[in-house]
Amino acid sequence: ILSRAYKLRVAGPSFAEAEAFLEKKLPGVAKAQLEFALCLCYNAPYGAKKLLNATYKIGKSERHLMDQLDNALRTLAAFFNAKTSLDELVAVLKALPSELCSRLLEEMVLEDLKYKAGVNRGSLPLMSFLPYDNLAKLQASNLFEARRGLKFIATSAPMPPSRAPAAQLRTWFLKLTGRL
């Protein structure tokens, strides 16, 4: 019975169904934030709901994690528009939890590859925030290498945490943009 259970495919909701569910459960959240949260949570509506409600503490005050993610996304867009330095981008990304930072960068790389393959930009939620013209100039070989290098940015169980996460992020972006 157990071996057959592993073979069963449980269908997940489509992006539109998950978005409709979130709009019903969280009526005050903007549609762009819903799409962004779903994008980072692999279209899992309950994961996106948890991410949208997540908070973190800075001193005595609490802030939403989505505010920090929005700041990271704006800084990422400014970096590809050559309006922000790499050091500022690394500082903002380093403030995120490593798994979330890795997931954001992974989704950026995957959506850029999909855009290069001819997928409609409207079906790529992250591309509405990022400068797709500048991202389209990145070489596909650099994108594939960057995708492989993301496993070192996220700290997961078998891998020890990085001793120099800022240097690692900096090198990752230099390789991605072809400056290294």
N, C-alpha and C. Protein backbone atom coordinates (compact mmCIF):
# COMPACT_ATOMS: atom_id res chain seq x y z
N ILE A 1 0.84 -1.20 0.00
CA ILE A 1 0.00 0.00 0.00
C ILE A 1 0.87 1.25 0.00
N LEU A 2 1.95 1.21 0.77
CA LEU A 2 2.81 2.39 0.85
C LEU A 2 3.48 2.69 -0.48
N SER A 3 3.90 1.63 -1.21
CA SER A 3 4.56 1.87 -2.49
C SER A 3 3.58 2.46 -3.51
N ARG A 4 2.33 2.08 -3.43
CA ARG A 4 1.33 2.66 -4.34
C ARG A 4 0.99 4.10 -3.95
N ALA A 5 1.06 4.37 -2.67
CA ALA A 5 0.76 5.73 -2.22
C ALA A 5 1.79 6.72 -2.74
N TYR A 6 3.04 6.28 -2.88
CA TYR A 6 4.07 7.17 -3.41
C TYR A 6 3.84 7.49 -4.88
N LYS A 7 3.15 6.60 -5.58
CA LYS A 7 2.93 6.78 -7.01
C LYS A 7 1.72 7.66 -7.32
N LEU A 8 0.87 7.90 -6.32
CA LEU A 8 -0.30 8.74 -6.55
C LEU A 8 0.11 10.18 -6.75
N ARG A 9 -0.47 10.78 -7.72
CA ARG A 9 -0.19 12.19 -7.97
C ARG A 9 -1.33 13.02 -7.42
N VAL A 10 -1.00 13.90 -6.51
CA VAL A 10 -1.99 14.80 -5.94
C VAL A 10 -1.86 16.13 -6.68
N ALA A 11 -2.91 16.47 -7.37
CA ALA A 11 -2.88 17.69 -8.18
C ALA A 11 -2.98 18.92 -7.29
N GLY A 12 -2.13 19.88 -7.55
CA GLY A 12 -2.18 21.14 -6.82
C GLY A 12 -3.08 22.12 -7.55
N PRO A 13 -3.43 23.19 -6.91
CA PRO A 13 -4.31 24.17 -7.56
C PRO A 13 -3.56 24.94 -8.65
N SER A 14 -4.30 25.41 -9.62
CA SER A 14 -3.69 26.26 -10.64
C SER A 14 -3.41 27.63 -10.03
N PHE A 15 -2.66 28.43 -10.75
CA PHE A 15 -2.32 29.76 -10.25
C PHE A 15 -3.58 30.60 -10.04
N ALA A 16 -4.52 30.50 -10.98
CA ALA A 16 -5.75 31.30 -10.87
C ALA A 16 -6.60 30.85 -9.68
N GLU A 17 -6.68 29.53 -9.46
CA GLU A 17 -7.45 29.03 -8.31
C GLU A 17 -6.83 29.46 -7.00
N ALA A 18 -5.50 29.35 -6.92
CA ALA A 18 -4.80 29.75 -5.69
C ALA A 18 -4.96 31.25 -5.44
N GLU A 19 -4.91 32.03 -6.51
CA GLU A 19 -5.07 33.48 -6.37
C GLU A 19 -6.49 33.84 -5.92
N ALA A 20 -7.49 33.14 -6.47
CA ALA A 20 -8.88 33.38 -6.06
C ALA A 20 -9.09 33.01 -4.59
N PHE A 21 -8.47 31.92 -4.16
CA PHE A 21 -8.56 31.50 -2.76
C PHE A 21 -7.97 32.57 -1.84
N LEU A 22 -6.79 33.08 -2.22
CA LEU A 22 -6.14 34.09 -1.39
C LEU A 22 -6.91 35.41 -1.37
N GLU A 23 -7.49 35.78 -2.50
CA GLU A 23 -8.29 37.01 -2.53
C GLU A 23 -9.49 36.90 -1.61
N LYS A 24 -10.04 35.69 -1.49
CA LYS A 24 -11.19 35.48 -0.61
C LYS A 24 -10.75 35.48 0.86
N LYS A 25 -9.60 34.87 1.16
CA LYS A 25 -9.14 34.77 2.55
C LYS A 25 -8.49 36.05 3.05
N LEU A 26 -7.80 36.78 2.16
CA LEU A 26 -7.11 38.01 2.54
C LEU A 26 -7.59 39.15 1.64
N PRO A 27 -8.76 39.72 1.92
CA PRO A 27 -9.34 40.70 1.01
C PRO A 27 -8.58 42.03 0.91
N GLY A 28 -7.81 42.41 1.90
CA GLY A 28 -7.15 43.71 1.88
C GLY A 28 -5.80 43.74 1.20
N VAL A 29 -5.31 42.59 0.72
CA VAL A 29 -3.96 42.52 0.15
C VAL A 29 -4.02 42.80 -1.35
N ALA A 30 -3.06 43.56 -1.83
CA ALA A 30 -3.00 43.91 -3.26
C ALA A 30 -2.75 42.67 -4.11
N LYS A 31 -3.27 42.70 -5.33
CA LYS A 31 -3.14 41.56 -6.24
C LYS A 31 -1.67 41.27 -6.57
N ALA A 32 -0.88 42.30 -6.71
CA ALA A 32 0.54 42.11 -7.03
C ALA A 32 1.26 41.36 -5.90
N GLN A 33 0.91 41.69 -4.65
CA GLN A 33 1.53 40.98 -3.53
C GLN A 33 1.07 39.54 -3.46
N LEU A 34 -0.19 39.28 -3.79
CA LEU A 34 -0.69 37.90 -3.83
C LEU A 34 0.07 37.08 -4.86
N GLU A 35 0.26 37.65 -6.05
CA GLU A 35 0.99 36.94 -7.11
C GLU A 35 2.43 36.70 -6.71
N PHE A 36 3.05 37.69 -6.09
CA PHE A 36 4.43 37.57 -5.65
C PHE A 36 4.58 36.48 -4.59
N ALA A 37 3.66 36.44 -3.62
CA ALA A 37 3.72 35.43 -2.56
C ALA A 37 3.47 34.03 -3.14
N LEU A 38 2.53 33.91 -4.06
CA LEU A 38 2.29 32.61 -4.69
C LEU A 38 3.49 32.15 -5.49
N CYS A 39 4.13 33.09 -6.15
CA CYS A 39 5.32 32.79 -6.94
C CYS A 39 6.43 32.23 -6.05
N LEU A 40 6.62 32.81 -4.88
CA LEU A 40 7.68 32.36 -3.97
C LEU A 40 7.33 31.07 -3.23
N CYS A 41 6.06 30.72 -3.20
CA CYS A 41 5.61 29.53 -2.45
C CYS A 41 5.18 28.39 -3.38
N TYR A 42 5.67 28.37 -4.60
CA TYR A 42 5.37 27.30 -5.55
C TYR A 42 3.86 27.12 -5.77
N ASN A 43 3.12 28.21 -5.85
CA ASN A 43 1.66 28.22 -6.06
C ASN A 43 0.88 27.53 -4.95
N ALA A 44 1.45 27.40 -3.77
CA ALA A 44 0.74 26.81 -2.63
C ALA A 44 -0.01 27.92 -1.90
N PRO A 45 -1.34 27.90 -1.93
CA PRO A 45 -2.08 29.02 -1.33
C PRO A 45 -1.89 29.15 0.18
N TYR A 46 -1.81 28.03 0.90
CA TYR A 46 -1.63 28.13 2.35
C TYR A 46 -0.23 28.62 2.69
N GLY A 47 0.77 28.22 1.91
CA GLY A 47 2.12 28.73 2.12
C GLY A 47 2.19 30.22 1.84
N ALA A 48 1.50 30.66 0.78
CA ALA A 48 1.48 32.09 0.45
C ALA A 48 0.74 32.88 1.53
N LYS A 49 -0.33 32.30 2.07
CA LYS A 49 -1.07 32.98 3.14
C LYS A 49 -0.18 33.13 4.37
N LYS A 50 0.57 32.08 4.68
CA LYS A 50 1.49 32.13 5.82
C LYS A 50 2.58 33.18 5.60
N LEU A 51 3.10 33.25 4.37
CA LEU A 51 4.13 34.24 4.04
C LEU A 51 3.57 35.66 4.14
N LEU A 52 2.36 35.86 3.66
CA LEU A 52 1.76 37.19 3.70
C LEU A 52 1.48 37.66 5.13
N ASN A 53 1.22 36.72 6.02
CA ASN A 53 0.94 37.07 7.41
C ASN A 53 2.19 37.05 8.30
N ALA A 54 3.32 36.61 7.76
CA ALA A 54 4.54 36.47 8.57
C ALA A 54 5.10 37.83 8.98
N THR A 55 5.60 37.88 10.22
CA THR A 55 6.23 39.09 10.73
C THR A 55 7.60 38.73 11.28
N TYR A 56 8.43 39.73 11.43
CA TYR A 56 9.74 39.55 12.05
C TYR A 56 9.96 40.73 12.98
N LYS A 57 10.83 40.54 13.95
CA LYS A 57 11.06 41.59 14.95
C LYS A 57 12.36 42.33 14.67
N ILE A 58 12.29 43.64 14.78
CA ILE A 58 13.47 44.49 14.76
C ILE A 58 13.39 45.32 16.03
N GLY A 59 14.23 44.98 16.97
CA GLY A 59 14.17 45.65 18.26
C GLY A 59 12.85 45.35 18.95
N LYS A 60 12.08 46.40 19.23
CA LYS A 60 10.79 46.21 19.90
C LYS A 60 9.62 46.24 18.92
N SER A 61 9.87 46.57 17.67
CA SER A 61 8.78 46.67 16.71
C SER A 61 8.71 45.42 15.83
N GLU A 62 7.51 45.15 15.33
CA GLU A 62 7.30 44.03 14.41
C GLU A 62 6.99 44.59 13.03
N ARG A 63 7.51 43.92 12.03
CA ARG A 63 7.24 44.32 10.64
C ARG A 63 6.86 43.08 9.85
N HIS A 64 6.16 43.31 8.75
CA HIS A 64 5.78 42.19 7.90
C HIS A 64 6.96 41.76 7.04
N LEU A 65 7.07 40.46 6.83
CA LEU A 65 8.14 39.93 6.00
C LEU A 65 7.96 40.35 4.55
N MET A 66 6.71 40.53 4.12
CA MET A 66 6.46 40.95 2.75
C MET A 66 7.01 42.35 2.48
N ASP A 67 7.05 43.21 3.49
CA ASP A 67 7.65 44.54 3.32
C ASP A 67 9.14 44.40 3.01
N GLN A 68 9.79 43.49 3.70
CA GLN A 68 11.21 43.25 3.47
C GLN A 68 11.43 42.63 2.08
N LEU A 69 10.53 41.73 1.67
CA LEU A 69 10.62 41.14 0.34
C LEU A 69 10.37 42.17 -0.75
N ASP A 70 9.41 43.06 -0.54
CA ASP A 70 9.15 44.13 -1.51
C ASP A 70 10.37 45.04 -1.65
N ASN A 71 11.01 45.34 -0.54
CA ASN A 71 12.23 46.15 -0.57
C ASN A 71 13.33 45.42 -1.35
N ALA A 72 13.46 44.12 -1.13
CA ALA A 72 14.47 43.34 -1.85
C ALA A 72 14.17 43.33 -3.35
N LEU A 73 12.91 43.21 -3.71
CA LEU A 73 12.53 43.19 -5.12
C LEU A 73 12.77 44.54 -5.78
N ARG A 74 12.45 45.62 -5.08
CA ARG A 74 12.73 46.97 -5.62
C ARG A 74 14.23 47.20 -5.79
N THR A 75 15.01 46.74 -4.82
CA THR A 75 16.46 46.89 -4.91
C THR A 75 17.03 46.05 -6.04
N LEU A 76 16.48 44.86 -6.23
CA LEU A 76 16.90 43.99 -7.33
C LEU A 76 16.61 44.64 -8.68
N ALA A 77 15.42 45.23 -8.80
CA ALA A 77 15.07 45.93 -10.04
C ALA A 77 15.97 47.13 -10.26
N ALA A 78 16.28 47.87 -9.20
CA ALA A 78 17.17 49.03 -9.33
C ALA A 78 18.58 48.60 -9.71
N PHE A 79 19.01 47.44 -9.22
CA PHE A 79 20.35 46.94 -9.58
C PHE A 79 20.43 46.64 -11.07
N PHE A 80 19.40 45.99 -11.62
CA PHE A 80 19.43 45.66 -13.04
C PHE A 80 19.18 46.88 -13.92
N ASN A 81 18.67 47.96 -13.34
CA ASN A 81 18.55 49.23 -14.06
C ASN A 81 19.77 50.12 -13.83
N ALA A 82 20.78 49.61 -13.15
CA ALA A 82 22.04 50.31 -12.84
C ALA A 82 21.80 51.56 -11.99
N LYS A 83 20.84 51.49 -11.08
CA LYS A 83 20.58 52.60 -10.18
C LYS A 83 21.01 52.31 -8.75
N THR A 84 21.40 51.08 -8.47
CA THR A 84 21.82 50.67 -7.14
C THR A 84 23.13 49.90 -7.25
N SER A 85 23.97 50.05 -6.26
CA SER A 85 25.24 49.33 -6.28
C SER A 85 25.03 47.88 -5.86
N LEU A 86 25.98 47.05 -6.19
CA LEU A 86 25.94 45.65 -5.82
C LEU A 86 26.02 45.48 -4.31
N ASP A 87 26.79 46.34 -3.65
CA ASP A 87 26.91 46.26 -2.19
C ASP A 87 25.58 46.50 -1.49
N GLU A 88 24.81 47.47 -1.99
CA GLU A 88 23.51 47.75 -1.39
C GLU A 88 22.55 46.58 -1.62
N LEU A 89 22.58 46.00 -2.82
CA LEU A 89 21.73 44.84 -3.11
C LEU A 89 22.08 43.66 -2.21
N VAL A 90 23.36 43.40 -2.03
CA VAL A 90 23.79 42.29 -1.18
C VAL A 90 23.36 42.52 0.26
N ALA A 91 23.44 43.75 0.73
CA ALA A 91 23.03 44.06 2.11
C ALA A 91 21.53 43.81 2.30
N VAL A 92 20.73 44.18 1.32
CA VAL A 92 19.29 43.97 1.42
C VAL A 92 18.95 42.48 1.35
N LEU A 93 19.60 41.75 0.45
CA LEU A 93 19.32 40.32 0.32
C LEU A 93 19.83 39.53 1.51
N LYS A 94 20.93 39.98 2.10
CA LYS A 94 21.48 39.30 3.26
C LYS A 94 20.56 39.42 4.47
N ALA A 95 19.74 40.45 4.51
CA ALA A 95 18.80 40.64 5.62
C ALA A 95 17.64 39.65 5.56
N LEU A 96 17.40 39.06 4.37
CA LEU A 96 16.34 38.06 4.24
C LEU A 96 16.80 36.72 4.81
N PRO A 97 15.87 35.86 5.22
CA PRO A 97 16.27 34.49 5.56
C PRO A 97 16.87 33.81 4.33
N SER A 98 17.88 32.97 4.52
CA SER A 98 18.63 32.43 3.39
C SER A 98 17.76 31.61 2.43
N GLU A 99 16.80 30.86 2.96
CA GLU A 99 15.93 30.07 2.09
C GLU A 99 15.05 30.98 1.22
N LEU A 100 14.57 32.05 1.80
CA LEU A 100 13.73 32.98 1.06
C LEU A 100 14.53 33.77 0.04
N CYS A 101 15.74 34.14 0.38
CA CYS A 101 16.63 34.83 -0.55
C CYS A 101 16.93 33.92 -1.74
N SER A 102 17.24 32.67 -1.45
CA SER A 102 17.53 31.71 -2.51
C SER A 102 16.32 31.48 -3.39
N ARG A 103 15.14 31.40 -2.79
CA ARG A 103 13.92 31.18 -3.56
C ARG A 103 13.60 32.38 -4.45
N LEU A 104 13.82 33.58 -3.96
CA LEU A 104 13.60 34.79 -4.75
C LEU A 104 14.53 34.81 -5.96
N LEU A 105 15.80 34.51 -5.74
CA LEU A 105 16.76 34.51 -6.84
C LEU A 105 16.49 33.38 -7.82
N GLU A 106 16.08 32.22 -7.29
CA GLU A 106 15.74 31.08 -8.16
C GLU A 106 14.56 31.42 -9.05
N GLU A 107 13.55 32.03 -8.49
CA GLU A 107 12.37 32.39 -9.28
C GLU A 107 12.73 33.45 -10.33
N MET A 108 13.61 34.38 -9.99
CA MET A 108 14.05 35.38 -10.95
C MET A 108 14.75 34.71 -12.13
N VAL A 109 15.64 33.77 -11.84
CA VAL A 109 16.38 33.07 -12.90
C VAL A 109 15.43 32.24 -13.75
N LEU A 110 14.53 31.50 -13.12
CA LEU A 110 13.59 30.65 -13.87
C LEU A 110 12.66 31.48 -14.75
N GLU A 111 12.17 32.59 -14.23
CA GLU A 111 11.28 33.42 -15.05
C GLU A 111 12.04 34.10 -16.19
N ASP A 112 13.29 34.42 -15.97
CA ASP A 112 14.09 34.99 -17.06
C ASP A 112 14.30 33.94 -18.15
N LEU A 113 14.56 32.70 -17.75
CA LEU A 113 14.71 31.63 -18.74
C LEU A 113 13.40 31.38 -19.49
N LYS A 114 12.29 31.43 -18.78
CA LYS A 114 10.98 31.26 -19.43
C LYS A 114 10.72 32.40 -20.40
N TYR A 115 11.09 33.62 -20.01
CA TYR A 115 10.90 34.78 -20.88
C TYR A 115 11.74 34.63 -22.14
N LYS A 116 12.97 34.15 -21.99
CA LYS A 116 13.84 33.94 -23.15
C LYS A 116 13.29 32.85 -24.06
N ALA A 117 12.55 31.87 -23.47
CA ALA A 117 11.97 30.78 -24.25
C ALA A 117 10.69 31.19 -24.96
N GLY A 118 10.20 32.39 -24.70
CA GLY A 118 9.04 32.90 -25.41
C GLY A 118 7.74 32.83 -24.65
N VAL A 119 7.79 32.58 -23.35
CA VAL A 119 6.57 32.58 -22.54
C VAL A 119 6.09 34.02 -22.40
N ASN A 120 4.79 34.20 -22.45
CA ASN A 120 4.19 35.52 -22.34
C ASN A 120 4.56 36.17 -21.01
N ARG A 121 4.96 37.41 -21.05
CA ARG A 121 5.39 38.12 -19.85
C ARG A 121 4.26 38.28 -18.83
N GLY A 122 3.04 38.30 -19.28
CA GLY A 122 1.90 38.43 -18.38
C GLY A 122 1.71 37.22 -17.48
N SER A 123 2.19 36.07 -17.90
CA SER A 123 2.05 34.86 -17.08
C SER A 123 3.24 34.65 -16.14
N LEU A 124 4.16 35.59 -16.13
CA LEU A 124 5.33 35.51 -15.24
C LEU A 124 5.19 36.62 -14.19
N PRO A 125 4.75 36.28 -12.98
CA PRO A 125 4.43 37.33 -12.00
C PRO A 125 5.62 38.17 -11.57
N LEU A 126 6.79 37.59 -11.49
CA LEU A 126 7.95 38.35 -11.01
C LEU A 126 8.45 39.32 -12.08
N MET A 127 8.22 39.00 -13.35
CA MET A 127 8.69 39.86 -14.43
C MET A 127 7.96 41.20 -14.47
N SER A 128 6.81 41.29 -13.84
CA SER A 128 6.11 42.58 -13.82
C SER A 128 6.81 43.57 -12.89
N PHE A 129 7.63 43.06 -11.97
CA PHE A 129 8.37 43.92 -11.04
C PHE A 129 9.78 44.24 -11.53
N LEU A 130 10.33 43.37 -12.36
CA LEU A 130 11.74 43.48 -12.75
C LEU A 130 11.87 44.03 -14.16
N PRO A 131 12.99 44.66 -14.48
CA PRO A 131 13.20 45.20 -15.83
C PRO A 131 13.56 44.07 -16.80
N TYR A 132 12.55 43.55 -17.50
CA TYR A 132 12.75 42.39 -18.37
C TYR A 132 13.69 42.68 -19.53
N ASP A 133 13.78 43.93 -19.97
CA ASP A 133 14.70 44.26 -21.07
C ASP A 133 16.15 44.02 -20.65
N ASN A 134 16.49 44.43 -19.44
CA ASN A 134 17.86 44.23 -18.96
C ASN A 134 18.11 42.77 -18.58
N LEU A 135 17.10 42.09 -18.07
CA LEU A 135 17.27 40.68 -17.73
C LEU A 135 17.40 39.82 -18.98
N ALA A 136 16.75 40.24 -20.07
CA ALA A 136 16.84 39.48 -21.31
C ALA A 136 18.24 39.51 -21.90
N LYS A 137 19.05 40.48 -21.50
CA LYS A 137 20.42 40.57 -22.01
C LYS A 137 21.38 39.58 -21.35
N LEU A 138 20.95 38.98 -20.22
CA LEU A 138 21.81 38.00 -19.55
C LEU A 138 21.93 36.75 -20.40
N GLN A 139 23.12 36.18 -20.45
CA GLN A 139 23.34 34.98 -21.25
C GLN A 139 22.70 33.78 -20.58
N ALA A 140 22.15 32.88 -21.40
CA ALA A 140 21.49 31.69 -20.86
C ALA A 140 22.48 30.80 -20.11
N SER A 141 23.71 30.72 -20.58
CA SER A 141 24.70 29.89 -19.88
C SER A 141 24.96 30.42 -18.47
N ASN A 142 25.00 31.75 -18.34
CA ASN A 142 25.17 32.34 -17.00
C ASN A 142 23.96 32.06 -16.11
N LEU A 143 22.77 32.05 -16.71
CA LEU A 143 21.57 31.77 -15.93
C LEU A 143 21.56 30.33 -15.43
N PHE A 144 21.98 29.39 -16.28
CA PHE A 144 22.04 27.99 -15.85
C PHE A 144 23.09 27.79 -14.76
N GLU A 145 24.23 28.45 -14.90
CA GLU A 145 25.26 28.37 -13.86
C GLU A 145 24.77 28.99 -12.55
N ALA A 146 24.06 30.09 -12.67
CA ALA A 146 23.52 30.75 -11.47
C ALA A 146 22.49 29.86 -10.79
N ARG A 147 21.69 29.17 -11.58
CA ARG A 147 20.69 28.25 -11.01
C ARG A 147 21.37 27.15 -10.22
N ARG A 148 22.47 26.63 -10.75
CA ARG A 148 23.22 25.58 -10.03
C ARG A 148 23.88 26.13 -8.78
N GLY A 149 24.31 27.37 -8.80
CA GLY A 149 25.00 27.96 -7.66
C GLY A 149 24.10 28.37 -6.51
N LEU A 150 22.79 28.36 -6.74
CA LEU A 150 21.87 28.77 -5.67
C LEU A 150 21.84 27.80 -4.50
N LYS A 151 22.26 26.57 -4.72
CA LYS A 151 22.22 25.60 -3.61
C LYS A 151 23.20 25.99 -2.51
N PHE A 152 24.19 26.81 -2.83
CA PHE A 152 25.15 27.23 -1.82
C PHE A 152 24.68 28.46 -1.04
N ILE A 153 23.70 29.17 -1.58
CA ILE A 153 23.19 30.36 -0.90
C ILE A 153 22.19 29.98 0.19
N ALA A 154 21.32 29.02 -0.12
CA ALA A 154 20.33 28.56 0.88
C ALA A 154 21.01 27.58 1.83
N THR A 155 20.87 27.81 3.10
CA THR A 155 21.43 26.87 4.07
C THR A 155 20.37 25.84 4.40
N SER A 156 20.62 24.62 3.99
CA SER A 156 19.71 23.53 4.28
C SER A 156 20.45 22.46 5.08
N ALA A 157 19.75 21.43 5.47
CA ALA A 157 20.27 20.45 6.43
C ALA A 157 21.62 19.83 6.06
N PRO A 158 21.84 19.32 4.87
CA PRO A 158 23.13 18.67 4.65
C PRO A 158 24.30 19.64 4.49
N MET A 159 24.00 20.88 4.13
CA MET A 159 25.07 21.85 3.88
C MET A 159 25.29 22.71 5.12
N PRO A 160 26.54 22.95 5.48
CA PRO A 160 26.79 23.87 6.61
C PRO A 160 26.52 25.31 6.16
N PRO A 161 26.17 26.20 7.08
CA PRO A 161 25.93 27.59 6.69
C PRO A 161 27.22 28.24 6.18
N SER A 162 27.04 29.17 5.28
CA SER A 162 28.19 29.86 4.70
C SER A 162 28.88 30.74 5.73
N ARG A 163 30.20 30.79 5.63
CA ARG A 163 30.96 31.66 6.53
C ARG A 163 31.00 33.10 6.03
N ALA A 164 30.80 33.26 4.75
CA ALA A 164 30.82 34.61 4.16
C ALA A 164 29.64 34.76 3.21
N PRO A 165 28.42 34.91 3.73
CA PRO A 165 27.26 34.98 2.84
C PRO A 165 27.26 36.21 1.93
N ALA A 166 27.79 37.32 2.39
CA ALA A 166 27.82 38.53 1.55
C ALA A 166 28.75 38.32 0.36
N ALA A 167 29.91 37.74 0.59
CA ALA A 167 30.85 37.47 -0.50
C ALA A 167 30.26 36.45 -1.48
N GLN A 168 29.53 35.50 -0.95
CA GLN A 168 28.91 34.49 -1.80
C GLN A 168 27.85 35.11 -2.71
N LEU A 169 27.01 35.96 -2.15
CA LEU A 169 25.99 36.65 -2.95
C LEU A 169 26.63 37.57 -3.99
N ARG A 170 27.66 38.26 -3.58
CA ARG A 170 28.37 39.17 -4.49
C ARG A 170 28.96 38.40 -5.67
N THR A 171 29.61 37.28 -5.40
CA THR A 171 30.18 36.45 -6.46
C THR A 171 29.09 35.89 -7.35
N TRP A 172 27.97 35.49 -6.76
CA TRP A 172 26.87 34.94 -7.54
C TRP A 172 26.36 35.97 -8.54
N PHE A 173 26.19 37.22 -8.10
CA PHE A 173 25.71 38.26 -9.01
C PHE A 173 26.76 38.63 -10.06
N LEU A 174 28.02 38.62 -9.69
CA LEU A 174 29.07 38.91 -10.67
C LEU A 174 29.11 37.84 -11.75
N LYS A 175 28.93 36.58 -11.37
CA LYS A 175 28.88 35.50 -12.36
C LYS A 175 27.63 35.61 -13.23
N LEU A 176 26.51 35.94 -12.60
CA LEU A 176 25.25 36.06 -13.34
C LEU A 176 25.33 37.14 -14.41
N THR A 177 25.90 38.27 -14.05
CA THR A 177 25.97 39.39 -15.00
C THR A 177 27.15 39.28 -15.96
N GLY A 178 27.98 38.27 -15.78
CA GLY A 178 29.11 38.06 -16.68
C GLY A 178 30.30 38.94 -16.40
N ARG A 179 30.38 39.51 -15.21
CA ARG A 179 31.52 40.36 -14.86
C ARG A 179 32.62 39.59 -14.15
N LEU A 180 32.46 38.29 -14.01
CA LEU A 180 33.47 37.49 -13.33
C LEU A 180 33.87 36.33 -14.21
